C-alpha cells in the first residue's frame, strides 16, 4: 500500500507526496486527475458469494477471473466513504498470502 511521505499547505490546497511501489504506480494507469486517496483500514464486514442473498456483495466470475481473484474472502473488510455528493464503497476481495503457510492441496 502507498504511504504518505509528506503533506504541505500551499495556496489554500493540501499538497501530498506519496511513496508507492511500481505495481501501485502501474495501477494508476497514467491518470493524474480524479484520483481518490483512501485508507485501507476498513471498519465493516460484507458477506461475499456467488449465490444471491440480499445481504451479499455479488461479483461476476468474469471479473474475478480477469483480475485473478481465486479465493474470495467470505467476510470481506469494507467501508463507505462520503465525499460530498459522491459515495464510494471500498472492499478488500483477497488478502495477500505472502508469509502465511498454506498446508494441504490447493483446489
PDB file of N, CA and C in Angstrom:
ATOM      1  N   UNK A   1       0.827  -1.173   0.000  1.00  0.00           N
ATOM      2  CA  UNK A   1       0.000   0.000   0.000  1.00  0.00           C
ATOM      3  C   UNK A   1       0.875   1.242   0.000  1.00  0.00           C
ATOM      4  N   UNK A   2       0.417   2.250  -0.689  1.00  0.00           N
ATOM      5  CA  UNK A   2       1.139   3.511  -0.755  1.00  0.00           C
ATOM      6  C   UNK A   2       1.129   4.177   0.624  1.00  0.00           C
ATOM      7  N   UNK A   3       2.163   4.955   0.894  1.00  0.00           N
ATOM      8  CA  UNK A   3       2.265   5.700   2.145  1.00  0.00           C
ATOM      9  C   UNK A   3       2.430   7.171   1.833  1.00  0.00           C
ATOM     10  N   UNK A   4       1.910   8.026   2.704  1.00  0.00           N
ATOM     11  CA  UNK A   4       2.103   9.462   2.544  1.00  0.00           C
ATOM     12  C   UNK A   4       3.492   9.801   3.056  1.00  0.00           C
ATOM     13  N   UNK A   5       4.305  10.386   2.188  1.00  0.00           N
ATOM     14  CA  UNK A   5       5.665  10.788   2.544  1.00  0.00           C
ATOM     15  C   UNK A   5       5.639  12.143   3.244  1.00  0.00           C
ATOM     16  N   UNK A   6       4.844  13.082   2.697  1.00  0.00           N
ATOM     17  CA  UNK A   6       4.707  14.389   3.335  1.00  0.00           C
ATOM     18  C   UNK A   6       3.435  15.071   2.857  1.00  0.00           C
ATOM     19  N   UNK A   7       2.934  16.014   3.683  1.00  0.00           N
ATOM     20  CA  UNK A   7       1.774  16.831   3.327  1.00  0.00           C
ATOM     21  C   UNK A   7       2.104  18.274   3.685  1.00  0.00           C
ATOM     22  N   UNK A   8       1.780  19.190   2.776  1.00  0.00           N
ATOM     23  CA  UNK A   8       2.031  20.613   2.995  1.00  0.00           C
ATOM     24  C   UNK A   8       0.836  21.424   2.527  1.00  0.00           C
ATOM     25  N   UNK A   9       0.630  22.572   3.150  1.00  0.00           N
ATOM     26  CA  UNK A   9      -0.385  23.523   2.696  1.00  0.00           C
ATOM     27  C   UNK A   9       0.277  24.482   1.728  1.00  0.00           C
ATOM     28  N   UNK A  10      -0.374  24.670   0.554  1.00  0.00           N
ATOM     29  CA  UNK A  10       0.182  25.568  -0.454  1.00  0.00           C
ATOM     30  C   UNK A  10      -0.978  26.249  -1.171  1.00  0.00           C
ATOM     31  N   UNK A  11      -1.060  27.566  -1.055  1.00  0.00           N
ATOM     32  CA  UNK A  11      -2.111  28.353  -1.712  1.00  0.00           C
ATOM     33  C   UNK A  11      -3.506  27.850  -1.345  1.00  0.00           C
ATOM     34  N   UNK A  12      -3.725  27.501  -0.091  1.00  0.00           N
ATOM     35  CA  UNK A  12      -5.020  27.032   0.361  1.00  0.00           C
ATOM     36  C   UNK A  12      -5.349  25.602  -0.025  1.00  0.00           C
ATOM     37  N   UNK A  13      -4.400  24.882  -0.619  1.00  0.00           N
ATOM     38  CA  UNK A  13      -4.595  23.491  -1.004  1.00  0.00           C
ATOM     39  C   UNK A  13      -3.618  22.616  -0.235  1.00  0.00           C
ATOM     40  N   UNK A  14      -3.959  21.362  -0.093  1.00  0.00           N
ATOM     41  CA  UNK A  14      -3.075  20.413   0.572  1.00  0.00           C
ATOM     42  C   UNK A  14      -2.307  19.659  -0.508  1.00  0.00           C
ATOM     43  N   UNK A  15      -0.981  19.706  -0.444  1.00  0.00           N
ATOM     44  CA  UNK A  15      -0.115  19.013  -1.399  1.00  0.00           C
ATOM     45  C   UNK A  15       0.410  17.754  -0.711  1.00  0.00           C
ATOM     46  N   UNK A  16       0.182  16.602  -1.341  1.00  0.00           N
ATOM     47  CA  UNK A  16       0.552  15.318  -0.764  1.00  0.00           C
ATOM     48  C   UNK A  16       1.622  14.660  -1.629  1.00  0.00           C
ATOM     49  N   UNK A  17       2.698  14.196  -0.997  1.00  0.00           N
ATOM     50  CA  UNK A  17       3.752  13.445  -1.675  1.00  0.00           C
ATOM     51  C   UNK A  17       3.626  11.993  -1.236  1.00  0.00           C
ATOM     52  N   UNK A  18       3.507  11.084  -2.213  1.00  0.00           N
ATOM     53  CA  UNK A  18       3.287   9.667  -1.921  1.00  0.00           C
ATOM     54  C   UNK A  18       4.523   8.829  -2.198  1.00  0.00           C
ATOM     55  N   UNK A  19       4.649   7.758  -1.432  1.00  0.00           N
ATOM     56  CA  UNK A  19       5.658   6.727  -1.681  1.00  0.00           C
ATOM     57  C   UNK A  19       4.884   5.466  -2.035  1.00  0.00           C
ATOM     58  N   UNK A  20       5.154   4.888  -3.231  1.00  0.00           N
ATOM     59  CA  UNK A  20       4.393   3.716  -3.671  1.00  0.00           C
ATOM     60  C   UNK A  20       5.270   2.755  -4.457  1.00  0.00           C
ATOM     61  N   UNK A  21       4.782   1.534  -4.591  1.00  0.00           N
ATOM     62  CA  UNK A  21       5.511   0.512  -5.345  1.00  0.00           C
ATOM     63  C   UNK A  21       5.261   0.696  -6.843  1.00  0.00           C
ATOM     64  N   UNK A  22       6.029  -0.013  -7.644  1.00  0.00           N
ATOM     65  CA  UNK A  22       5.842   0.036  -9.100  1.00  0.00           C
ATOM     66  C   UNK A  22       4.464  -0.488  -9.488  1.00  0.00           C
ATOM     67  N   UNK A  23       3.974  -1.514  -8.791  1.00  0.00           N
ATOM     68  CA  UNK A  23       2.639  -2.065  -9.077  1.00  0.00           C
ATOM     69  C   UNK A  23       1.546  -1.040  -8.786  1.00  0.00           C
ATOM     70  N   UNK A  24       1.687  -0.312  -7.693  1.00  0.00           N
ATOM     71  CA  UNK A  24       0.706   0.718  -7.365  1.00  0.00           C
ATOM     72  C   UNK A  24       0.739   1.840  -8.397  1.00  0.00           C
ATOM     73  N   UNK A  25       1.938   2.193  -8.829  1.00  0.00           N
ATOM     74  CA  UNK A  25       2.065   3.223  -9.863  1.00  0.00           C
ATOM     75  C   UNK A  25       1.424   2.747 -11.166  1.00  0.00           C
ATOM     76  N   UNK A  26       1.634   1.485 -11.513  1.00  0.00           N
ATOM     77  CA  UNK A  26       1.037   0.935 -12.735  1.00  0.00           C
ATOM     78  C   UNK A  26      -0.488   0.927 -12.642  1.00  0.00           C
ATOM     79  N   UNK A  27      -1.023   0.713 -11.441  1.00  0.00           N
ATOM     80  CA  UNK A  27      -2.473   0.699 -11.264  1.00  0.00           C
ATOM     81  C   UNK A  27      -3.088   2.071 -11.558  1.00  0.00           C
ATOM     82  N   UNK A  28      -2.307   3.136 -11.419  1.00  0.00           N
ATOM     83  CA  UNK A  28      -2.800   4.477 -11.751  1.00  0.00           C
ATOM     84  C   UNK A  28      -3.034   4.631 -13.250  1.00  0.00           C
ATOM     85  N   UNK A  29      -2.344   3.809 -14.039  1.00  0.00           N
ATOM     86  CA  UNK A  29      -2.526   3.800 -15.493  1.00  0.00           C
ATOM     87  C   UNK A  29      -2.349   5.199 -16.098  1.00  0.00           C
ATOM     88  N   UNK A  30      -1.390   5.938 -15.590  1.00  0.00           N
ATOM     89  CA  UNK A  30      -1.023   7.282 -16.062  1.00  0.00           C
ATOM     90  C   UNK A  30      -2.113   8.332 -15.836  1.00  0.00           C
ATOM     91  N   UNK A  31      -3.111   8.023 -14.998  1.00  0.00           N
ATOM     92  CA  UNK A  31      -4.107   9.037 -14.662  1.00  0.00           C
ATOM     93  C   UNK A  31      -3.513   9.988 -13.643  1.00  0.00           C
ATOM     94  N   UNK A  32      -3.748  11.281 -13.826  1.00  0.00           N
ATOM     95  CA  UNK A  32      -3.252  12.279 -12.883  1.00  0.00           C
ATOM     96  C   UNK A  32      -4.381  13.115 -12.293  1.00  0.00           C
ATOM     97  N   UNK A  33      -5.611  12.908 -12.758  1.00  0.00           N
ATOM     98  CA  UNK A  33      -6.761  13.645 -12.235  1.00  0.00           C
ATOM     99  C   UNK A  33      -7.818  12.655 -11.767  1.00  0.00           C
ATOM    100  N   UNK A  34      -8.711  13.131 -10.915  1.00  0.00           N
ATOM    101  CA  UNK A  34      -9.803  12.322 -10.377  1.00  0.00           C
ATOM    102  C   UNK A  34      -9.295  11.076  -9.660  1.00  0.00           C
ATOM    103  N   UNK A  35      -8.240  11.238  -8.885  1.00  0.00           N
ATOM    104  CA  UNK A  35      -7.719  10.151  -8.060  1.00  0.00           C
ATOM    105  C   UNK A  35      -8.377  10.230  -6.692  1.00  0.00           C
ATOM    106  N   UNK A  36      -8.478   9.094  -6.025  1.00  0.00           N
ATOM    107  CA  UNK A  36      -9.110   9.017  -4.722  1.00  0.00           C
ATOM    108  C   UNK A  36      -8.107   8.433  -3.739  1.00  0.00           C
ATOM    109  N   UNK A  37      -7.814   9.147  -2.674  1.00  0.00           N
ATOM    110  CA  UNK A  37      -6.879   8.703  -1.656  1.00  0.00           C
ATOM    111  C   UNK A  37      -7.685   8.278  -0.432  1.00  0.00           C
ATOM    112  N   UNK A  38      -7.679   6.953  -0.137  1.00  0.00           N
ATOM    113  CA  UNK A  38      -8.477   6.400   0.950  1.00  0.00           C
ATOM    114  C   UNK A  38      -7.632   5.494   1.833  1.00  0.00           C
ATOM    115  N   UNK A  39      -7.950   5.427   3.128  1.00  0.00           N
ATOM    116  CA  UNK A  39      -7.249   4.465   3.999  1.00  0.00           C
ATOM    117  C   UNK A  39      -7.771   3.059   3.747  1.00  0.00           C
ATOM    118  N   UNK A  40      -6.941   2.070   3.988  1.00  0.00           N
ATOM    119  CA  UNK A  40      -7.382   0.679   3.813  1.00  0.00           C
ATOM    120  C   UNK A  40      -7.669  -0.013   5.145  1.00  0.00           C
ATOM    121  N   UNK A  41      -7.730   0.749   6.221  1.00  0.00           N
ATOM    122  CA  UNK A  41      -8.225   0.218   7.499  1.00  0.00           C
ATOM    123  C   UNK A  41      -9.736   0.296   7.404  1.00  0.00           C
ATOM    124  N   UNK A  42     -10.371  -0.835   7.097  1.00  0.00           N
ATOM    125  CA  UNK A  42     -11.790  -0.853   6.787  1.00  0.00           C
ATOM    126  C   UNK A  42     -12.596  -1.297   7.999  1.00  0.00           C
ATOM    127  N   UNK A  43     -13.726  -0.639   8.264  1.00  0.00           N
ATOM    128  CA  UNK A  43     -14.475  -0.809   9.512  1.00  0.00           C
ATOM    129  C   UNK A  43     -15.601  -1.835   9.456  1.00  0.00           C
ATOM    130  N   UNK A  44     -16.086  -2.183   8.288  1.00  0.00           N
ATOM    131  CA  UNK A  44     -17.262  -3.038   8.183  1.00  0.00           C
ATOM    132  C   UNK A  44     -16.918  -4.350   7.484  1.00  0.00           C
ATOM    133  N   UNK A  45     -17.796  -5.347   7.659  1.00  0.00           N
ATOM    134  CA  UNK A  45     -17.609  -6.641   7.016  1.00  0.00           C
ATOM    135  C   UNK A  45     -18.815  -6.927   6.138  1.00  0.00           C
ATOM    136  N   UNK A  46     -18.551  -7.285   4.883  1.00  0.00           N
ATOM    137  CA  UNK A  46     -19.610  -7.678   3.958  1.00  0.00           C
ATOM    138  C   UNK A  46     -19.437  -9.140   3.610  1.00  0.00           C
ATOM    139  N   UNK A  47     -20.546  -9.841   3.448  1.00  0.00           N
ATOM    140  CA  UNK A  47     -20.506 -11.231   3.034  1.00  0.00           C
ATOM    141  C   UNK A  47     -20.462 -11.280   1.516  1.00  0.00           C
ATOM    142  N   UNK A  48     -19.513 -12.030   0.979  1.00  0.00           N
ATOM    143  CA  UNK A  48     -19.410 -12.168  -0.474  1.00  0.00           C
ATOM    144  C   UNK A  48     -19.918 -13.543  -0.876  1.00  0.00           C
ATOM    145  N   UNK A  49     -20.170 -13.712  -2.139  1.00  0.00           N
ATOM    146  CA  UNK A  49     -20.611 -15.016  -2.597  1.00  0.00           C
ATOM    147  C   UNK A  49     -21.009 -15.013  -4.046  1.00  0.00           C
ATOM    148  N   UNK A  50     -21.327 -16.186  -4.535  1.00  0.00           N
ATOM    149  CA  UNK A  50     -21.709 -16.340  -5.928  1.00  0.00           C
ATOM    150  C   UNK A  50     -23.201 -16.633  -6.065  1.00  0.00           C
ATOM    151  N   UNK A  51     -23.874 -16.950  -4.954  1.00  0.00           N
ATOM    152  CA  UNK A  51     -25.314 -17.173  -4.967  1.00  0.00           C
ATOM    153  C   UNK A  51     -25.981 -16.006  -4.272  1.00  0.00           C
ATOM    154  N   UNK A  52     -27.163 -15.641  -4.720  1.00  0.00           N
ATOM    155  CA  UNK A  52     -27.782 -14.406  -4.262  1.00  0.00           C
ATOM    156  C   UNK A  52     -28.527 -14.483  -2.954  1.00  0.00           C
ATOM    157  N   UNK A  53     -28.140 -13.685  -2.017  1.00  0.00           N
ATOM    158  CA  UNK A  53     -28.902 -13.337  -0.822  1.00  0.00           C
ATOM    159  C   UNK A  53     -28.901 -11.824  -0.776  1.00  0.00           C
ATOM    160  N   UNK A  54     -29.881 -11.239  -0.159  1.00  0.00           N
ATOM    161  CA  UNK A  54     -29.976  -9.784  -0.171  1.00  0.00           C
ATOM    162  C   UNK A  54     -28.830  -9.110   0.582  1.00  0.00           C
ATOM    163  N   UNK A  55     -28.129  -9.832   1.440  1.00  0.00           N
ATOM    164  CA  UNK A  55     -27.055  -9.218   2.215  1.00  0.00           C
ATOM    165  C   UNK A  55     -25.674  -9.540   1.656  1.00  0.00           C
ATOM    166  N   UNK A  56     -25.600  -9.979   0.410  1.00  0.00           N
ATOM    167  CA  UNK A  56     -24.316 -10.352  -0.161  1.00  0.00           C
ATOM    168  C   UNK A  56     -23.872  -9.371  -1.235  1.00  0.00           C
ATOM    169  N   UNK A  57     -22.583  -9.213  -1.348  1.00  0.00           N
ATOM    170  CA  UNK A  57     -21.994  -8.491  -2.464  1.00  0.00           C
ATOM    171  C   UNK A  57     -21.728  -9.527  -3.544  1.00  0.00           C
ATOM    172  N   UNK A  58     -22.335  -9.365  -4.701  1.00  0.00           N
ATOM    173  CA  UNK A  58     -22.208 -10.335  -5.779  1.00  0.00           C
ATOM    174  C   UNK A  58     -21.197  -9.812  -6.807  1.00  0.00           C
ATOM    175  N   UNK A  59     -20.293 -10.688  -7.232  1.00  0.00           N
ATOM    176  CA  UNK A  59     -19.270 -10.324  -8.201  1.00  0.00           C
ATOM    177  C   UNK A  59     -19.299 -11.303  -9.361  1.00  0.00           C
ATOM    178  N   UNK A  60     -19.285 -10.807 -10.592  1.00  0.00           N
ATOM    179  CA  UNK A  60     -19.294 -11.712 -11.739  1.00  0.00           C
ATOM    180  C   UNK A  60     -17.999 -12.528 -11.820  1.00  0.00           C
ATOM    181  N   UNK A  61     -18.134 -13.814 -12.137  1.00  0.00           N
ATOM    182  CA  UNK A  61     -16.961 -14.678 -12.293  1.00  0.00           C
ATOM    183  C   UNK A  61     -16.003 -14.128 -13.334  1.00  0.00           C
ATOM    184  N   UNK A  62     -16.523 -13.520 -14.384  1.00  0.00           N
ATOM    185  CA  UNK A  62     -15.690 -12.961 -15.449  1.00  0.00           C
ATOM    186  C   UNK A  62     -14.744 -11.887 -14.888  1.00  0.00           C
ATOM    187  N   UNK A  63     -15.256 -11.065 -14.007  1.00  0.00           N
ATOM    188  CA  UNK A  63     -14.444 -10.015 -13.390  1.00  0.00           C
ATOM    189  C   UNK A  63     -13.399 -10.615 -12.455  1.00  0.00           C
ATOM    190  N   UNK A  64     -13.793 -11.622 -11.670  1.00  0.00           N
ATOM    191  CA  UNK A  64     -12.851 -12.278 -10.761  1.00  0.00           C
ATOM    192  C   UNK A  64     -11.729 -12.961 -11.537  1.00  0.00           C
ATOM    193  N   UNK A  65     -12.066 -13.618 -12.644  1.00  0.00           N
ATOM    194  CA  UNK A  65     -11.035 -14.269 -13.473  1.00  0.00           C
ATOM    195  C   UNK A  65     -10.100 -13.237 -14.105  1.00  0.00           C
ATOM    196  N   UNK A  66     -10.651 -12.124 -14.558  1.00  0.00           N
ATOM    197  CA  UNK A  66      -9.844 -11.077 -15.198  1.00  0.00           C
ATOM    198  C   UNK A  66      -8.744 -10.580 -14.260  1.00  0.00           C
ATOM    199  N   UNK A  67      -9.085 -10.423 -12.987  1.00  0.00           N
ATOM    200  CA  UNK A  67      -8.124  -9.925 -12.006  1.00  0.00           C
ATOM    201  C   UNK A  67      -7.510 -11.039 -11.168  1.00  0.00           C
ATOM    202  N   UNK A  68      -7.682 -12.281 -11.599  1.00  0.00           N
ATOM    203  CA  UNK A  68      -7.086 -13.464 -10.971  1.00  0.00           C
ATOM    204  C   UNK A  68      -7.375 -13.535  -9.472  1.00  0.00           C
ATOM    205  N   UNK A  69      -8.614 -13.263  -9.091  1.00  0.00           N
ATOM    206  CA  UNK A  69      -9.058 -13.419  -7.702  1.00  0.00           C
ATOM    207  C   UNK A  69      -9.533 -14.852  -7.570  1.00  0.00           C
ATOM    208  N   UNK A  70      -8.698 -15.698  -6.963  1.00  0.00           N
ATOM    209  CA  UNK A  70      -9.015 -17.125  -6.868  1.00  0.00           C
ATOM    210  C   UNK A  70      -9.827 -17.456  -5.630  1.00  0.00           C
ATOM    211  N   UNK A  71      -9.406 -16.955  -4.491  1.00  0.00           N
ATOM    212  CA  UNK A  71     -10.072 -17.245  -3.228  1.00  0.00           C
ATOM    213  C   UNK A  71     -10.686 -15.966  -2.693  1.00  0.00           C
ATOM    214  N   UNK A  72     -11.966 -15.779  -2.939  1.00  0.00           N
ATOM    215  CA  UNK A  72     -12.689 -14.602  -2.496  1.00  0.00           C
ATOM    216  C   UNK A  72     -12.907 -14.682  -0.984  1.00  0.00           C
ATOM    217  N   UNK A  73     -12.617 -13.600  -0.274  1.00  0.00           N
ATOM    218  CA  UNK A  73     -12.855 -13.561   1.166  1.00  0.00           C
ATOM    219  C   UNK A  73     -14.345 -13.713   1.426  1.00  0.00           C
ATOM    220  N   UNK A  74     -14.719 -14.579   2.359  1.00  0.00           N
ATOM    221  CA  UNK A  74     -16.136 -14.770   2.692  1.00  0.00           C
ATOM    222  C   UNK A  74     -16.664 -13.610   3.523  1.00  0.00           C
ATOM    223  N   UNK A  75     -15.838 -13.079   4.392  1.00  0.00           N
ATOM    224  CA  UNK A  75     -16.186 -11.903   5.199  1.00  0.00           C
ATOM    225  C   UNK A  75     -15.208 -10.805   4.803  1.00  0.00           C
ATOM    226  N   UNK A  76     -15.578 -10.018   3.814  1.00  0.00           N
ATOM    227  CA  UNK A  76     -14.678  -9.035   3.214  1.00  0.00           C
ATOM    228  C   UNK A  76     -14.718  -7.716   3.978  1.00  0.00           C
ATOM    229  N   UNK A  77     -13.553  -7.219   4.415  1.00  0.00           N
ATOM    230  CA  UNK A  77     -13.498  -5.905   5.049  1.00  0.00           C
ATOM    231  C   UNK A  77     -13.923  -4.834   4.035  1.00  0.00           C
ATOM    232  N   UNK A  78     -14.684  -3.840   4.508  1.00  0.00           N
ATOM    233  CA  UNK A  78     -15.188  -2.810   3.603  1.00  0.00           C
ATOM    234  C   UNK A  78     -15.440  -1.521   4.365  1.00  0.00           C
ATOM    235  N   UNK A  79     -15.670  -0.471   3.601  1.00  0.00           N
ATOM    236  CA  UNK A  79     -16.043   0.813   4.185  1.00  0.00           C
ATOM    237  C   UNK A  79     -16.692   1.665   3.101  1.00  0.00           C
ATOM    238  N   UNK A  80     -17.534   2.596   3.517  1.00  0.00           N
ATOM    239  CA  UNK A  80     -18.162   3.548   2.610  1.00  0.00           C
ATOM    240  C   UNK A  80     -17.570   4.910   2.913  1.00  0.00           C
ATOM    241  N   UNK A  81     -17.159   5.616   1.869  1.00  0.00           N
ATOM    242  CA  UNK A  81     -16.556   6.936   2.016  1.00  0.00           C
ATOM    243  C   UNK A  81     -17.471   7.960   1.373  1.00  0.00           C
ATOM    244  N   UNK A  82     -17.852   8.973   2.141  1.00  0.00           N
ATOM    245  CA  UNK A  82     -18.764  10.025   1.702  1.00  0.00           C
ATOM    246  C   UNK A  82     -17.926  11.252   1.360  1.00  0.00           C
ATOM    247  N   UNK A  83     -17.867  11.584   0.076  1.00  0.00           N
ATOM    248  CA  UNK A  83     -17.080  12.735  -0.373  1.00  0.00           C
ATOM    249  C   UNK A  83     -18.013  13.746  -1.030  1.00  0.00           C
ATOM    250  N   UNK A  84     -18.728  14.479  -0.198  1.00  0.00           N
ATOM    251  CA  UNK A  84     -19.658  15.474  -0.721  1.00  0.00           C
ATOM    252  C   UNK A  84     -20.865  14.810  -1.350  1.00  0.00           C
ATOM    253  N   UNK A  85     -21.007  14.957  -2.658  1.00  0.00           N
ATOM    254  CA  UNK A  85     -22.167  14.397  -3.352  1.00  0.00           C
ATOM    255  C   UNK A  85     -21.917  12.991  -3.869  1.00  0.00           C
ATOM    256  N   UNK A  86     -20.709  12.464  -3.681  1.00  0.00           N
ATOM    257  CA  UNK A  86     -20.380  11.118  -4.162  1.00  0.00           C
ATOM    258  C   UNK A  86     -20.065  10.199  -2.982  1.00  0.00           C
ATOM    259  N   UNK A  87     -20.440   8.951  -3.137  1.00  0.00           N
ATOM    260  CA  UNK A  87     -20.149   7.947  -2.117  1.00  0.00           C
ATOM    261  C   UNK A  87     -19.431   6.783  -2.787  1.00  0.00           C
ATOM    262  N   UNK A  88     -18.410   6.245  -2.111  1.00  0.00           N
ATOM    263  CA  UNK A  88     -17.597   5.170  -2.659  1.00  0.00           C
ATOM    264  C   UNK A  88     -17.590   4.000  -1.690  1.00  0.00           C
ATOM    265  N   UNK A  89     -17.692   2.796  -2.243  1.00  0.00           N
ATOM    266  CA  UNK A  89     -17.610   1.566  -1.465  1.00  0.00           C
ATOM    267  C   UNK A  89     -16.279   0.910  -1.794  1.00  0.00           C
ATOM    268  N   UNK A  90     -15.461   0.684  -0.767  1.00  0.00           N
ATOM    269  CA  UNK A  90     -14.172   0.016  -0.933  1.00  0.00           C
ATOM    270  C   UNK A  90     -14.253  -1.338  -0.251  1.00  0.00           C
ATOM    271  N   UNK A  91     -13.931  -2.411  -1.002  1.00  0.00           N
ATOM    272  CA  UNK A  91     -13.995  -3.777  -0.492  1.00  0.00           C
ATOM    273  C   UNK A  91     -12.671  -4.472  -0.758  1.00  0.00           C
ATOM    274  N   UNK A  92     -12.117  -5.144   0.252  1.00  0.00           N
ATOM    275  CA  UNK A  92     -10.923  -5.975   0.058  1.00  0.00           C
ATOM    276  C   UNK A  92     -11.412  -7.366  -0.349  1.00  0.00           C
ATOM    277  N   UNK A  93     -11.083  -7.781  -1.574  1.00  0.00           N
ATOM    278  CA  UNK A  93     -11.579  -9.049  -2.108  1.00  0.00           C
ATOM    279  C   UNK A  93     -10.688 -10.230  -1.767  1.00  0.00           C
ATOM    280  N   UNK A  94      -9.388  -9.986  -1.664  1.00  0.00           N
ATOM    281  CA  UNK A  94      -8.444 -11.076  -1.444  1.00  0.00           C
ATOM    282  C   UNK A  94      -7.297 -10.547  -0.603  1.00  0.00           C
ATOM    283  N   UNK A  95      -6.821 -11.376   0.327  1.00  0.00           N
ATOM    284  CA  UNK A  95      -5.687 -10.983   1.167  1.00  0.00           C
ATOM    285  C   UNK A  95      -4.413 -11.577   0.600  1.00  0.00           C
ATOM    286  N   UNK A  96      -3.313 -10.917   0.884  1.00  0.00           N
ATOM    287  CA  UNK A  96      -2.013 -11.438   0.493  1.00  0.00           C
ATOM    288  C   UNK A  96      -1.713 -12.684   1.313  1.00  0.00           C
ATOM    289  N   UNK A  97      -1.175 -13.694   0.654  1.00  0.00           N
ATOM    290  CA  UNK A  97      -0.823 -14.922   1.371  1.00  0.00           C
ATOM    291  C   UNK A  97       0.682 -15.029   1.571  1.00  0.00           C
ATOM    292  N   UNK A  98       1.431 -13.983   1.236  1.00  0.00           N
ATOM    293  CA  UNK A  98       2.874 -13.987   1.439  1.00  0.00           C
ATOM    294  C   UNK A  98       3.178 -14.083   2.928  1.00  0.00           C
ATOM    295  N   UNK A  99       4.032 -15.013   3.286  1.00  0.00           N
ATOM    296  CA  UNK A  99       4.424 -15.175   4.668  1.00  0.00           C
ATOM    297  C   UNK A  99       3.468 -16.008   5.499  1.00  0.00           C
ATOM    298  N   UNK A 100       2.343 -16.432   4.917  1.00  0.00           N
ATOM    299  CA  UNK A 100       1.392 -17.267   5.645  1.00  0.00           C
ATOM    300  C   UNK A 100       1.512 -18.693   5.121  1.00  0.00           C
ATOM    301  N   UNK A 101       1.847 -19.647   5.971  1.00  0.00           N
ATOM    302  CA  UNK A 101       1.970 -21.023   5.495  1.00  0.00           C
ATOM    303  C   UNK A 101       0.610 -21.589   5.102  1.00  0.00           C
ATOM    304  N   UNK A 102       0.590 -22.327   3.971  1.00  0.00           N
ATOM    305  CA  UNK A 102      -0.630 -22.978   3.495  1.00  0.00           C
ATOM    306  C   UNK A 102      -0.365 -24.470   3.456  1.00  0.00           C
ATOM    307  N   UNK A 103      -1.183 -25.248   4.175  1.00  0.00           N
ATOM    308  CA  UNK A 103      -0.997 -26.682   4.247  1.00  0.00           C
ATOM    309  C   UNK A 103      -2.080 -27.384   3.431  1.00  0.00           C
ATOM    310  N   UNK A 104      -1.694 -28.490   2.822  1.00  0.00           N
ATOM    311  CA  UNK A 104      -2.656 -29.270   2.052  1.00  0.00           C
ATOM    312  C   UNK A 104      -2.653 -28.888   0.595  1.00  0.00           C
ATOM    313  N   UNK A 105      -3.463 -29.616  -0.200  1.00  0.00           N
ATOM    314  CA  UNK A 105      -3.549 -29.358  -1.623  1.00  0.00           C
ATOM    315  C   UNK A 105      -4.477 -28.194  -1.887  1.00  0.00           C
ATOM    316  N   UNK A 106      -4.126 -27.389  -2.887  1.00  0.00           N
ATOM    317  CA  UNK A 106      -4.968 -26.286  -3.285  1.00  0.00           C
ATOM    318  C   UNK A 106      -5.946 -26.769  -4.336  1.00  0.00           C
ATOM    319  N   UNK A 107      -7.219 -26.407  -4.190  1.00  0.00           N
ATOM    320  CA  UNK A 107      -8.245 -26.861  -5.128  1.00  0.00           C
ATOM    321  C   UNK A 107      -8.125 -26.136  -6.438  1.00  0.00           C
TER     322      UNK A 107
END
